[in-house]
Amino acid sequence: MQENYQKITEESGVMSFELELNAPRPKVWELIATTKGFAQWFPELSVGESGVDGMILFDFGNGEYEEMTITIYDPKSVLEYTWDKNVVRFELIEKEAATVLRFTEEITELTTHTPRDIAGWYMCLQKIQGILEDKDVSFTEEEFLALFDKYQAVMN
């Protein structure tokens, strides 16, 4: 997986990941843009309503939800939605028999929690790849903390 962090200001930047998946675009889209797909790699997320101005819901597990607004919805191509004060984007690009998944998070306010989010997205992308390749992908607490430390250093 390729990754890049572009610092814009001391408090903002763009984190991007790109990976090639051995699966057709519709299958990848199903994973990243439907409640059934989210359940496999990020079960706290669900689709409240598809389409621009629709909602992705984050379930805190205590009866509370955060609603994240879908800002771009181009079926089997681009899904973009708010993520707290930031914006996350999944873009799918056909490449022969594979699909390139480009993930970006536009970070408008770098907080102490941001590296944790980025480490989480890294793990989620690995899980997506594992699902498509029929491999079990899991992470230990130590692996997560190592990723957190890595992205904390990258963003400072």
N, C-alpha and C. Protein backbone atom coordinates (compact mmCIF):
# COMPACT_ATOMS: atom_id res chain seq x y z
N MET A 1 0.85 -1.17 0.00
CA MET A 1 0.00 0.00 0.00
C MET A 1 0.90 1.23 0.00
N GLN A 2 0.58 2.14 -0.89
CA GLN A 2 1.30 3.41 -0.93
C GLN A 2 0.60 4.39 0.00
N GLU A 3 1.39 5.23 0.65
CA GLU A 3 0.80 6.23 1.53
C GLU A 3 1.57 7.52 1.43
N ASN A 4 0.86 8.62 1.71
CA ASN A 4 1.50 9.93 1.62
C ASN A 4 0.76 10.90 2.54
N TYR A 5 1.53 11.71 3.27
CA TYR A 5 0.95 12.78 4.05
C TYR A 5 1.47 14.09 3.51
N GLN A 6 0.55 14.96 3.14
CA GLN A 6 0.91 16.28 2.64
C GLN A 6 0.48 17.30 3.67
N LYS A 7 1.46 17.93 4.29
CA LYS A 7 1.17 18.95 5.29
C LYS A 7 0.78 20.24 4.57
N ILE A 8 -0.35 20.81 4.94
CA ILE A 8 -0.81 22.06 4.33
C ILE A 8 -0.41 23.22 5.24
N THR A 9 -0.80 23.13 6.51
CA THR A 9 -0.39 24.12 7.52
C THR A 9 0.00 23.31 8.76
N GLU A 10 0.33 24.00 9.84
CA GLU A 10 0.65 23.30 11.09
C GLU A 10 -0.52 22.49 11.60
N GLU A 11 -1.73 22.87 11.22
CA GLU A 11 -2.93 22.23 11.75
C GLU A 11 -3.74 21.47 10.70
N SER A 12 -3.26 21.43 9.45
CA SER A 12 -4.05 20.77 8.42
C SER A 12 -3.15 20.02 7.45
N GLY A 13 -3.77 19.08 6.75
CA GLY A 13 -3.03 18.30 5.76
C GLY A 13 -3.95 17.29 5.09
N VAL A 14 -3.35 16.48 4.24
CA VAL A 14 -4.10 15.44 3.54
C VAL A 14 -3.32 14.13 3.66
N MET A 15 -3.98 13.11 4.20
CA MET A 15 -3.39 11.77 4.28
C MET A 15 -4.03 10.94 3.19
N SER A 16 -3.19 10.23 2.43
CA SER A 16 -3.75 9.38 1.37
C SER A 16 -3.09 8.01 1.39
N PHE A 17 -3.90 7.04 1.03
CA PHE A 17 -3.46 5.66 0.87
C PHE A 17 -3.96 5.19 -0.49
N GLU A 18 -3.18 4.37 -1.14
CA GLU A 18 -3.60 3.80 -2.41
C GLU A 18 -3.18 2.34 -2.46
N LEU A 19 -4.13 1.48 -2.81
CA LEU A 19 -3.80 0.07 -2.93
C LEU A 19 -4.55 -0.55 -4.09
N GLU A 20 -3.92 -1.54 -4.70
CA GLU A 20 -4.53 -2.26 -5.81
C GLU A 20 -5.20 -3.51 -5.27
N LEU A 21 -6.47 -3.65 -5.64
CA LEU A 21 -7.28 -4.77 -5.15
C LEU A 21 -7.63 -5.69 -6.31
N ASN A 22 -7.47 -6.98 -6.11
CA ASN A 22 -7.79 -7.95 -7.14
C ASN A 22 -9.28 -8.27 -7.10
N ALA A 23 -10.07 -7.27 -7.49
CA ALA A 23 -11.53 -7.42 -7.49
C ALA A 23 -12.11 -6.36 -8.43
N PRO A 24 -13.27 -6.65 -9.00
CA PRO A 24 -13.92 -5.66 -9.86
C PRO A 24 -14.49 -4.51 -9.03
N ARG A 25 -14.62 -3.36 -9.66
CA ARG A 25 -15.12 -2.16 -8.98
C ARG A 25 -16.46 -2.37 -8.27
N PRO A 26 -17.45 -3.04 -8.90
CA PRO A 26 -18.73 -3.21 -8.19
C PRO A 26 -18.58 -3.96 -6.86
N LYS A 27 -17.69 -4.92 -6.81
CA LYS A 27 -17.49 -5.68 -5.57
C LYS A 27 -16.83 -4.80 -4.50
N VAL A 28 -15.87 -3.98 -4.90
CA VAL A 28 -15.23 -3.06 -3.95
C VAL A 28 -16.24 -2.02 -3.49
N TRP A 29 -17.03 -1.49 -4.41
CA TRP A 29 -18.05 -0.50 -4.06
C TRP A 29 -19.01 -1.06 -3.02
N GLU A 30 -19.41 -2.30 -3.19
CA GLU A 30 -20.32 -2.95 -2.24
C GLU A 30 -19.72 -2.92 -0.82
N LEU A 31 -18.41 -3.11 -0.72
CA LEU A 31 -17.75 -3.10 0.59
C LEU A 31 -17.69 -1.71 1.21
N ILE A 32 -17.44 -0.69 0.40
CA ILE A 32 -17.18 0.64 0.96
C ILE A 32 -18.40 1.55 1.03
N ALA A 33 -19.53 1.13 0.41
CA ALA A 33 -20.64 2.07 0.30
C ALA A 33 -21.99 1.50 0.72
N THR A 34 -22.00 0.32 1.36
CA THR A 34 -23.26 -0.27 1.81
C THR A 34 -23.14 -0.73 3.26
N THR A 35 -24.26 -0.78 3.94
CA THR A 35 -24.26 -1.25 5.32
C THR A 35 -23.75 -2.68 5.39
N LYS A 36 -24.17 -3.51 4.45
CA LYS A 36 -23.71 -4.91 4.41
C LYS A 36 -22.18 -4.97 4.24
N GLY A 37 -21.62 -4.11 3.42
CA GLY A 37 -20.18 -4.06 3.23
C GLY A 37 -19.46 -3.55 4.47
N PHE A 38 -19.96 -2.43 5.04
CA PHE A 38 -19.35 -1.88 6.25
C PHE A 38 -19.29 -2.91 7.36
N ALA A 39 -20.33 -3.73 7.47
CA ALA A 39 -20.40 -4.73 8.55
C ALA A 39 -19.20 -5.66 8.55
N GLN A 40 -18.55 -5.83 7.41
CA GLN A 40 -17.43 -6.75 7.30
C GLN A 40 -16.10 -6.14 7.76
N TRP A 41 -15.99 -4.81 7.72
CA TRP A 41 -14.69 -4.21 8.06
C TRP A 41 -14.79 -3.01 9.00
N PHE A 42 -15.96 -2.44 9.19
CA PHE A 42 -16.13 -1.30 10.10
C PHE A 42 -17.59 -1.32 10.58
N PRO A 43 -17.91 -2.29 11.45
CA PRO A 43 -19.31 -2.53 11.81
C PRO A 43 -20.02 -1.37 12.51
N GLU A 44 -19.27 -0.39 12.99
CA GLU A 44 -19.91 0.78 13.62
C GLU A 44 -20.55 1.70 12.58
N LEU A 45 -20.21 1.53 11.30
CA LEU A 45 -20.75 2.38 10.25
C LEU A 45 -21.94 1.72 9.57
N SER A 46 -22.88 2.53 9.14
CA SER A 46 -24.00 2.06 8.33
C SER A 46 -24.45 3.22 7.43
N VAL A 47 -25.17 2.87 6.39
CA VAL A 47 -25.69 3.89 5.49
C VAL A 47 -27.09 4.26 5.96
N GLY A 48 -27.27 5.52 6.31
CA GLY A 48 -28.59 6.01 6.67
C GLY A 48 -29.42 6.27 5.44
N GLU A 49 -28.78 6.92 4.46
CA GLU A 49 -29.41 7.21 3.18
C GLU A 49 -28.31 7.43 2.16
N SER A 50 -28.40 6.74 1.03
CA SER A 50 -27.40 6.87 -0.03
C SER A 50 -27.60 8.17 -0.81
N GLY A 51 -26.57 8.58 -1.51
CA GLY A 51 -26.65 9.73 -2.39
C GLY A 51 -26.13 10.99 -1.74
N VAL A 52 -25.90 12.00 -2.58
CA VAL A 52 -25.42 13.29 -2.09
C VAL A 52 -26.43 13.83 -1.08
N ASP A 53 -25.93 14.35 0.02
CA ASP A 53 -26.71 14.84 1.16
C ASP A 53 -27.33 13.71 1.97
N GLY A 54 -27.01 12.45 1.62
CA GLY A 54 -27.42 11.30 2.42
C GLY A 54 -26.53 11.22 3.65
N MET A 55 -26.66 10.14 4.40
CA MET A 55 -25.93 10.03 5.66
C MET A 55 -25.23 8.70 5.83
N ILE A 56 -24.04 8.76 6.36
CA ILE A 56 -23.35 7.60 6.91
C ILE A 56 -23.48 7.77 8.43
N LEU A 57 -23.86 6.70 9.10
CA LEU A 57 -24.06 6.77 10.55
C LEU A 57 -22.93 6.04 11.27
N PHE A 58 -22.40 6.67 12.32
CA PHE A 58 -21.39 6.06 13.18
C PHE A 58 -22.08 5.73 14.49
N ASP A 59 -22.13 4.44 14.83
CA ASP A 59 -22.79 3.95 16.04
C ASP A 59 -21.77 3.90 17.18
N PHE A 60 -21.97 4.74 18.19
CA PHE A 60 -21.07 4.76 19.34
C PHE A 60 -21.29 3.57 20.27
N GLY A 61 -22.34 2.77 20.01
CA GLY A 61 -22.58 1.57 20.81
C GLY A 61 -23.34 1.82 22.10
N ASN A 62 -23.73 3.07 22.31
CA ASN A 62 -24.46 3.41 23.54
C ASN A 62 -25.82 4.03 23.22
N GLY A 63 -26.30 3.77 22.01
CA GLY A 63 -27.57 4.35 21.57
C GLY A 63 -27.42 5.69 20.89
N GLU A 64 -26.19 6.22 20.85
CA GLU A 64 -25.94 7.49 20.18
C GLU A 64 -25.25 7.26 18.84
N TYR A 65 -25.60 8.11 17.87
CA TYR A 65 -25.04 8.02 16.53
C TYR A 65 -24.51 9.39 16.12
N GLU A 66 -23.46 9.36 15.33
CA GLU A 66 -23.03 10.60 14.67
C GLU A 66 -23.41 10.47 13.22
N GLU A 67 -24.04 11.51 12.69
CA GLU A 67 -24.43 11.53 11.29
C GLU A 67 -23.34 12.24 10.49
N MET A 68 -22.88 11.58 9.46
CA MET A 68 -21.85 12.14 8.59
C MET A 68 -22.47 12.32 7.21
N THR A 69 -22.40 13.52 6.68
CA THR A 69 -23.06 13.86 5.43
C THR A 69 -22.25 13.39 4.22
N ILE A 70 -22.94 12.73 3.31
CA ILE A 70 -22.31 12.32 2.05
C ILE A 70 -22.24 13.55 1.16
N THR A 71 -21.02 13.90 0.73
CA THR A 71 -20.82 15.10 -0.08
C THR A 71 -20.62 14.77 -1.56
N ILE A 72 -20.10 13.58 -1.86
CA ILE A 72 -19.99 13.11 -3.24
C ILE A 72 -20.41 11.66 -3.27
N TYR A 73 -21.28 11.33 -4.21
CA TYR A 73 -21.75 9.96 -4.35
C TYR A 73 -21.87 9.68 -5.84
N ASP A 74 -20.85 9.01 -6.38
CA ASP A 74 -20.82 8.62 -7.78
C ASP A 74 -20.69 7.10 -7.79
N PRO A 75 -21.83 6.39 -7.92
CA PRO A 75 -21.83 4.93 -7.75
C PRO A 75 -20.70 4.21 -8.49
N LYS A 76 -20.06 3.32 -7.75
CA LYS A 76 -18.94 2.48 -8.21
C LYS A 76 -17.71 3.30 -8.57
N SER A 77 -17.68 4.56 -8.13
CA SER A 77 -16.54 5.41 -8.47
C SER A 77 -16.03 6.23 -7.27
N VAL A 78 -16.88 7.07 -6.67
CA VAL A 78 -16.43 7.95 -5.59
C VAL A 78 -17.50 8.03 -4.49
N LEU A 79 -17.03 7.87 -3.26
CA LEU A 79 -17.85 8.11 -2.08
C LEU A 79 -17.05 9.02 -1.16
N GLU A 80 -17.63 10.17 -0.83
CA GLU A 80 -16.97 11.12 0.05
C GLU A 80 -17.98 11.58 1.10
N TYR A 81 -17.51 11.66 2.36
CA TYR A 81 -18.40 12.12 3.41
C TYR A 81 -17.61 12.79 4.52
N THR A 82 -18.33 13.57 5.32
CA THR A 82 -17.70 14.26 6.44
C THR A 82 -17.28 13.23 7.48
N TRP A 83 -16.21 13.56 8.17
CA TRP A 83 -15.70 12.70 9.24
C TRP A 83 -15.29 13.65 10.35
N ASP A 84 -16.21 13.93 11.27
CA ASP A 84 -16.06 14.97 12.26
C ASP A 84 -15.86 16.28 11.51
N LYS A 85 -14.73 16.96 11.71
CA LYS A 85 -14.49 18.22 11.00
C LYS A 85 -13.75 17.99 9.68
N ASN A 86 -13.40 16.75 9.41
CA ASN A 86 -12.64 16.40 8.22
C ASN A 86 -13.54 15.81 7.15
N VAL A 87 -12.92 15.42 6.04
CA VAL A 87 -13.64 14.77 4.94
C VAL A 87 -12.83 13.55 4.51
N VAL A 88 -13.52 12.40 4.38
CA VAL A 88 -12.88 11.20 3.86
C VAL A 88 -13.44 10.89 2.48
N ARG A 89 -12.58 10.33 1.65
CA ARG A 89 -12.96 10.06 0.25
C ARG A 89 -12.41 8.70 -0.16
N PHE A 90 -13.28 7.89 -0.73
CA PHE A 90 -12.91 6.61 -1.33
C PHE A 90 -13.11 6.76 -2.83
N GLU A 91 -12.06 6.56 -3.58
CA GLU A 91 -12.15 6.66 -5.04
C GLU A 91 -11.71 5.33 -5.64
N LEU A 92 -12.50 4.81 -6.57
CA LEU A 92 -12.21 3.54 -7.22
C LEU A 92 -11.85 3.78 -8.68
N ILE A 93 -10.72 3.19 -9.09
CA ILE A 93 -10.22 3.36 -10.45
C ILE A 93 -9.99 1.98 -11.04
N GLU A 94 -10.60 1.72 -12.20
CA GLU A 94 -10.39 0.43 -12.87
C GLU A 94 -8.97 0.34 -13.41
N LYS A 95 -8.37 -0.82 -13.23
CA LYS A 95 -7.03 -1.06 -13.76
C LYS A 95 -6.98 -2.52 -14.20
N GLU A 96 -7.22 -2.73 -15.49
CA GLU A 96 -7.29 -4.07 -16.06
C GLU A 96 -8.29 -4.90 -15.26
N ALA A 97 -7.90 -6.02 -14.69
CA ALA A 97 -8.84 -6.87 -13.94
C ALA A 97 -8.94 -6.47 -12.47
N ALA A 98 -8.22 -5.42 -12.10
CA ALA A 98 -8.16 -5.01 -10.69
C ALA A 98 -8.85 -3.66 -10.50
N THR A 99 -8.90 -3.23 -9.25
CA THR A 99 -9.43 -1.92 -8.89
C THR A 99 -8.42 -1.24 -7.98
N VAL A 100 -8.09 -0.01 -8.30
CA VAL A 100 -7.24 0.79 -7.42
C VAL A 100 -8.17 1.55 -6.48
N LEU A 101 -7.93 1.40 -5.19
CA LEU A 101 -8.68 2.12 -4.17
C LEU A 101 -7.78 3.23 -3.64
N ARG A 102 -8.23 4.45 -3.83
CA ARG A 102 -7.50 5.61 -3.31
C ARG A 102 -8.35 6.21 -2.19
N PHE A 103 -7.79 6.22 -1.00
CA PHE A 103 -8.46 6.78 0.18
C PHE A 103 -7.73 8.05 0.57
N THR A 104 -8.48 9.11 0.85
CA THR A 104 -7.87 10.34 1.37
C THR A 104 -8.71 10.86 2.54
N GLU A 105 -8.01 11.46 3.48
CA GLU A 105 -8.69 12.21 4.53
C GLU A 105 -8.11 13.61 4.51
N GLU A 106 -8.99 14.57 4.26
CA GLU A 106 -8.61 15.98 4.33
C GLU A 106 -8.74 16.40 5.78
N ILE A 107 -7.61 16.67 6.39
CA ILE A 107 -7.56 17.00 7.81
C ILE A 107 -7.57 18.51 7.95
N THR A 108 -8.68 19.05 8.45
CA THR A 108 -8.79 20.50 8.59
C THR A 108 -8.30 20.99 9.94
N GLU A 109 -8.30 20.08 10.92
CA GLU A 109 -7.83 20.44 12.26
C GLU A 109 -7.11 19.23 12.86
N LEU A 110 -5.81 19.30 12.88
CA LEU A 110 -4.99 18.23 13.44
C LEU A 110 -5.16 18.22 14.96
N THR A 111 -5.64 17.07 15.49
CA THR A 111 -5.83 16.94 16.94
C THR A 111 -5.00 15.76 17.43
N THR A 112 -5.01 15.55 18.73
CA THR A 112 -4.29 14.41 19.29
C THR A 112 -4.94 13.09 18.86
N HIS A 113 -6.20 13.15 18.42
CA HIS A 113 -6.92 11.95 17.98
C HIS A 113 -6.66 11.62 16.51
N THR A 114 -6.19 12.57 15.73
CA THR A 114 -6.02 12.37 14.28
C THR A 114 -5.13 11.18 13.95
N PRO A 115 -3.94 11.02 14.56
CA PRO A 115 -3.11 9.86 14.22
C PRO A 115 -3.81 8.52 14.53
N ARG A 116 -4.66 8.52 15.55
CA ARG A 116 -5.43 7.32 15.90
C ARG A 116 -6.41 7.00 14.76
N ASP A 117 -7.08 8.03 14.24
CA ASP A 117 -7.99 7.83 13.11
C ASP A 117 -7.24 7.28 11.90
N ILE A 118 -6.09 7.86 11.61
CA ILE A 118 -5.32 7.44 10.44
C ILE A 118 -4.83 6.00 10.61
N ALA A 119 -4.36 5.65 11.79
CA ALA A 119 -3.97 4.26 12.06
C ALA A 119 -5.17 3.33 11.85
N GLY A 120 -6.34 3.77 12.29
CA GLY A 120 -7.55 2.98 12.10
C GLY A 120 -7.91 2.82 10.64
N TRP A 121 -7.78 3.90 9.86
CA TRP A 121 -8.07 3.79 8.42
C TRP A 121 -7.09 2.83 7.74
N TYR A 122 -5.82 2.90 8.13
CA TYR A 122 -4.83 1.97 7.57
C TYR A 122 -5.28 0.52 7.82
N MET A 123 -5.68 0.24 9.05
CA MET A 123 -6.11 -1.12 9.39
C MET A 123 -7.37 -1.50 8.61
N CYS A 124 -8.31 -0.56 8.47
CA CYS A 124 -9.53 -0.83 7.71
C CYS A 124 -9.22 -1.17 6.25
N LEU A 125 -8.31 -0.43 5.66
CA LEU A 125 -7.95 -0.70 4.26
C LEU A 125 -7.31 -2.08 4.12
N GLN A 126 -6.49 -2.45 5.10
CA GLN A 126 -5.91 -3.79 5.09
C GLN A 126 -7.00 -4.86 5.22
N LYS A 127 -8.01 -4.58 6.04
CA LYS A 127 -9.13 -5.51 6.20
C LYS A 127 -9.91 -5.65 4.90
N ILE A 128 -10.14 -4.54 4.22
CA ILE A 128 -10.85 -4.58 2.93
C ILE A 128 -10.08 -5.47 1.96
N GLN A 129 -8.77 -5.27 1.88
CA GLN A 129 -7.96 -6.10 0.99
C GLN A 129 -8.04 -7.57 1.40
N GLY A 130 -7.98 -7.84 2.68
CA GLY A 130 -8.09 -9.21 3.18
C GLY A 130 -9.41 -9.86 2.82
N ILE A 131 -10.51 -9.12 2.96
CA ILE A 131 -11.83 -9.64 2.60
C ILE A 131 -11.85 -10.04 1.12
N LEU A 132 -11.32 -9.18 0.27
CA LEU A 132 -11.34 -9.44 -1.17
C LEU A 132 -10.41 -10.58 -1.57
N GLU A 133 -9.37 -10.82 -0.77
CA GLU A 133 -8.43 -11.90 -1.06
C GLU A 133 -8.71 -13.13 -0.21
N ASP A 134 -9.81 -13.12 0.53
CA ASP A 134 -10.22 -14.23 1.39
C ASP A 134 -9.13 -14.59 2.41
N LYS A 135 -8.57 -13.54 3.02
CA LYS A 135 -7.56 -13.70 4.07
C LYS A 135 -8.05 -13.02 5.34
N ASP A 136 -7.79 -13.66 6.46
CA ASP A 136 -8.14 -13.06 7.74
C ASP A 136 -7.09 -12.02 8.10
N VAL A 137 -7.51 -10.81 8.30
CA VAL A 137 -6.61 -9.73 8.67
C VAL A 137 -7.04 -9.20 10.02
N SER A 138 -6.14 -9.24 10.98
CA SER A 138 -6.43 -8.68 12.30
C SER A 138 -5.16 -8.01 12.82
N PHE A 139 -5.34 -7.15 13.79
CA PHE A 139 -4.23 -6.40 14.35
C PHE A 139 -4.24 -6.53 15.86
N THR A 140 -3.05 -6.61 16.44
CA THR A 140 -2.92 -6.63 17.89
C THR A 140 -2.90 -5.20 18.40
N GLU A 141 -3.05 -5.04 19.70
CA GLU A 141 -2.97 -3.72 20.31
C GLU A 141 -1.58 -3.12 20.07
N GLU A 142 -0.54 -3.96 20.13
CA GLU A 142 0.83 -3.46 19.89
C GLU A 142 0.99 -2.96 18.46
N GLU A 143 0.40 -3.66 17.50
CA GLU A 143 0.48 -3.22 16.10
C GLU A 143 -0.25 -1.90 15.91
N PHE A 144 -1.42 -1.77 16.54
CA PHE A 144 -2.15 -0.52 16.45
C PHE A 144 -1.33 0.62 17.05
N LEU A 145 -0.76 0.40 18.23
CA LEU A 145 0.03 1.45 18.88
C LEU A 145 1.25 1.84 18.06
N ALA A 146 1.86 0.87 17.39
CA ALA A 146 3.00 1.18 16.51
C ALA A 146 2.54 2.06 15.34
N LEU A 147 1.38 1.75 14.77
CA LEU A 147 0.84 2.58 13.69
C LEU A 147 0.50 3.97 14.21
N PHE A 148 -0.10 4.05 15.37
CA PHE A 148 -0.43 5.34 15.98
C PHE A 148 0.84 6.18 16.14
N ASP A 149 1.89 5.57 16.69
CA ASP A 149 3.17 6.28 16.87
C ASP A 149 3.73 6.75 15.53
N LYS A 150 3.64 5.87 14.54
CA LYS A 150 4.15 6.20 13.20
C LYS A 150 3.43 7.43 12.63
N TYR A 151 2.09 7.45 12.69
CA TYR A 151 1.36 8.57 12.10
C TYR A 151 1.44 9.83 12.95
N GLN A 152 1.65 9.65 14.24
CA GLN A 152 1.88 10.82 15.09
C GLN A 152 3.19 11.50 14.67
N ALA A 153 4.23 10.70 14.40
CA ALA A 153 5.51 11.26 13.96
C ALA A 153 5.40 11.90 12.57
N VAL A 154 4.67 11.25 11.67
CA VAL A 154 4.51 11.76 10.31
C VAL A 154 3.81 13.12 10.31
N MET A 155 2.84 13.30 11.19
CA MET A 155 2.02 14.51 11.16
C MET A 155 2.58 15.65 11.99
N ASN A 156 3.65 15.39 12.72
CA ASN A 156 4.25 16.47 13.52
C ASN A 156 5.48 17.04 12.90
